[in-house]
Amino acid sequence: MKMRKKSDLPQKTCQTCGLPFAWRKKWAKDWENVRYCSDRCRRERQKRPGSTTG
């Protein structure tokens, strides 16, 4: 498999921190549902009062 530059990978914006993050191989099967750049951002989102999950 040929290596790709990180700038060539798809990107999304994290819903918690607002920073852009790039596709990772571990997200390949579920990329459409990835919303957070890290576990920390996912946990922080759940801690916020009035946040909706799902």
N, C-alpha and C. Protein backbone atom coordinates (compact mmCIF):
# COMPACT_ATOMS: atom_id res chain seq x y z
N MET A 1 0.84 -1.19 0.00
CA MET A 1 0.00 0.00 0.00
C MET A 1 0.88 1.25 0.00
N LYS A 2 0.58 2.18 -0.85
CA LYS A 2 1.36 3.40 -0.97
C LYS A 2 1.01 4.37 0.16
N MET A 3 2.03 5.00 0.72
CA MET A 3 1.82 5.98 1.78
C MET A 3 1.16 7.24 1.21
N ARG A 4 0.30 7.85 2.02
CA ARG A 4 -0.35 9.09 1.62
C ARG A 4 0.09 10.20 2.56
N LYS A 5 0.14 11.39 2.06
CA LYS A 5 0.43 12.53 2.90
C LYS A 5 -0.77 12.80 3.80
N LYS A 6 -0.52 13.28 4.99
CA LYS A 6 -1.61 13.56 5.91
C LYS A 6 -2.55 14.62 5.33
N SER A 7 -2.01 15.54 4.57
CA SER A 7 -2.84 16.58 3.98
C SER A 7 -3.80 16.04 2.91
N ASP A 8 -3.53 14.83 2.40
CA ASP A 8 -4.40 14.21 1.40
C ASP A 8 -5.55 13.42 2.02
N LEU A 9 -5.53 13.21 3.32
CA LEU A 9 -6.56 12.43 3.99
C LEU A 9 -7.80 13.28 4.25
N PRO A 10 -8.97 12.65 4.32
CA PRO A 10 -10.19 13.41 4.64
C PRO A 10 -10.09 14.01 6.03
N GLN A 11 -10.73 15.16 6.22
CA GLN A 11 -10.71 15.83 7.51
C GLN A 11 -12.12 16.17 7.96
N LYS A 12 -12.27 16.28 9.28
CA LYS A 12 -13.51 16.73 9.90
C LYS A 12 -13.15 17.72 11.00
N THR A 13 -14.15 18.41 11.54
CA THR A 13 -13.95 19.32 12.65
C THR A 13 -14.57 18.71 13.90
N CYS A 14 -13.83 18.69 14.98
CA CYS A 14 -14.30 18.12 16.24
C CYS A 14 -15.47 18.94 16.77
N GLN A 15 -16.52 18.28 17.21
CA GLN A 15 -17.70 18.98 17.72
C GLN A 15 -17.48 19.58 19.10
N THR A 16 -16.46 19.13 19.83
CA THR A 16 -16.21 19.65 21.16
C THR A 16 -15.21 20.81 21.13
N CYS A 17 -14.04 20.58 20.56
CA CYS A 17 -12.99 21.60 20.61
C CYS A 17 -12.93 22.46 19.35
N GLY A 18 -13.55 22.04 18.27
CA GLY A 18 -13.59 22.83 17.05
C GLY A 18 -12.34 22.74 16.18
N LEU A 19 -11.38 21.91 16.56
CA LEU A 19 -10.15 21.76 15.78
C LEU A 19 -10.32 20.70 14.70
N PRO A 20 -9.64 20.88 13.56
CA PRO A 20 -9.72 19.88 12.50
C PRO A 20 -8.91 18.64 12.86
N PHE A 21 -9.39 17.48 12.43
CA PHE A 21 -8.65 16.24 12.63
C PHE A 21 -8.78 15.40 11.38
N ALA A 22 -7.75 14.56 11.14
CA ALA A 22 -7.67 13.78 9.91
C ALA A 22 -8.12 12.34 10.15
N TRP A 23 -8.49 11.70 9.06
CA TRP A 23 -8.89 10.29 9.05
C TRP A 23 -7.79 9.42 9.65
N ARG A 24 -8.18 8.39 10.38
CA ARG A 24 -7.25 7.40 10.91
C ARG A 24 -7.71 6.02 10.49
N LYS A 25 -6.76 5.13 10.33
CA LYS A 25 -7.08 3.78 9.87
C LYS A 25 -8.08 3.10 10.80
N LYS A 26 -7.96 3.33 12.11
CA LYS A 26 -8.88 2.67 13.05
C LYS A 26 -10.32 3.16 12.89
N TRP A 27 -10.51 4.30 12.22
CA TRP A 27 -11.86 4.82 11.98
C TRP A 27 -12.38 4.44 10.61
N ALA A 28 -11.67 3.62 9.85
CA ALA A 28 -12.02 3.34 8.46
C ALA A 28 -13.44 2.80 8.30
N LYS A 29 -13.86 1.90 9.16
CA LYS A 29 -15.19 1.29 9.02
C LYS A 29 -16.31 2.20 9.50
N ASP A 30 -15.99 3.21 10.32
CA ASP A 30 -17.02 4.02 10.95
C ASP A 30 -16.79 5.53 10.75
N TRP A 31 -16.10 5.92 9.71
CA TRP A 31 -15.72 7.32 9.51
C TRP A 31 -16.93 8.24 9.46
N GLU A 32 -18.04 7.80 8.92
CA GLU A 32 -19.23 8.64 8.82
C GLU A 32 -19.77 9.04 10.20
N ASN A 33 -19.55 8.21 11.22
CA ASN A 33 -20.08 8.47 12.55
C ASN A 33 -19.08 9.10 13.51
N VAL A 34 -17.84 9.29 13.09
CA VAL A 34 -16.82 9.89 13.96
C VAL A 34 -17.11 11.39 14.08
N ARG A 35 -17.22 11.88 15.33
CA ARG A 35 -17.54 13.29 15.55
C ARG A 35 -16.50 14.00 16.41
N TYR A 36 -15.66 13.24 17.13
CA TYR A 36 -14.71 13.84 18.06
C TYR A 36 -13.29 13.43 17.71
N CYS A 37 -12.33 14.32 17.97
CA CYS A 37 -10.94 14.07 17.60
C CYS A 37 -10.24 13.13 18.57
N SER A 38 -10.79 12.98 19.79
CA SER A 38 -10.11 12.17 20.79
C SER A 38 -11.12 11.66 21.82
N ASP A 39 -10.68 10.72 22.63
CA ASP A 39 -11.52 10.23 23.73
C ASP A 39 -11.78 11.35 24.73
N ARG A 40 -10.81 12.20 24.93
CA ARG A 40 -10.98 13.31 25.88
C ARG A 40 -12.12 14.23 25.43
N CYS A 41 -12.16 14.58 24.17
CA CYS A 41 -13.24 15.43 23.66
C CYS A 41 -14.59 14.73 23.77
N ARG A 42 -14.61 13.43 23.51
CA ARG A 42 -15.86 12.67 23.63
C ARG A 42 -16.35 12.68 25.07
N ARG A 43 -15.46 12.50 26.04
CA ARG A 43 -15.84 12.54 27.46
C ARG A 43 -16.29 13.93 27.87
N GLU A 44 -15.59 14.96 27.42
CA GLU A 44 -15.95 16.34 27.76
C GLU A 44 -17.34 16.68 27.24
N ARG A 45 -17.67 16.19 26.07
CA ARG A 45 -18.98 16.45 25.49
C ARG A 45 -20.09 15.86 26.37
N GLN A 46 -19.83 14.66 26.92
CA GLN A 46 -20.82 14.00 27.76
C GLN A 46 -20.97 14.69 29.11
N LYS A 47 -19.95 15.40 29.58
CA LYS A 47 -19.99 16.07 30.89
C LYS A 47 -20.76 17.38 30.83
N ARG A 48 -20.86 17.99 29.67
CA ARG A 48 -21.51 19.29 29.58
C ARG A 48 -22.99 19.20 29.93
N PRO A 49 -23.48 20.08 30.78
CA PRO A 49 -24.90 20.07 31.11
C PRO A 49 -25.75 20.49 29.91
N GLY A 50 -26.85 19.80 29.72
CA GLY A 50 -27.76 20.13 28.63
C GLY A 50 -27.34 19.57 27.29
N SER A 51 -26.26 18.79 27.26
CA SER A 51 -25.83 18.20 25.99
C SER A 51 -26.71 17.03 25.64
N THR A 52 -26.89 16.82 24.36
CA THR A 52 -27.69 15.68 23.91
C THR A 52 -26.77 14.59 23.43
N THR A 53 -27.07 13.37 23.76
CA THR A 53 -26.26 12.25 23.30
C THR A 53 -27.02 11.50 22.24
N GLY A 54 -26.28 10.91 21.31
CA GLY A 54 -26.93 10.08 20.31
C GLY A 54 -26.72 10.62 19.00
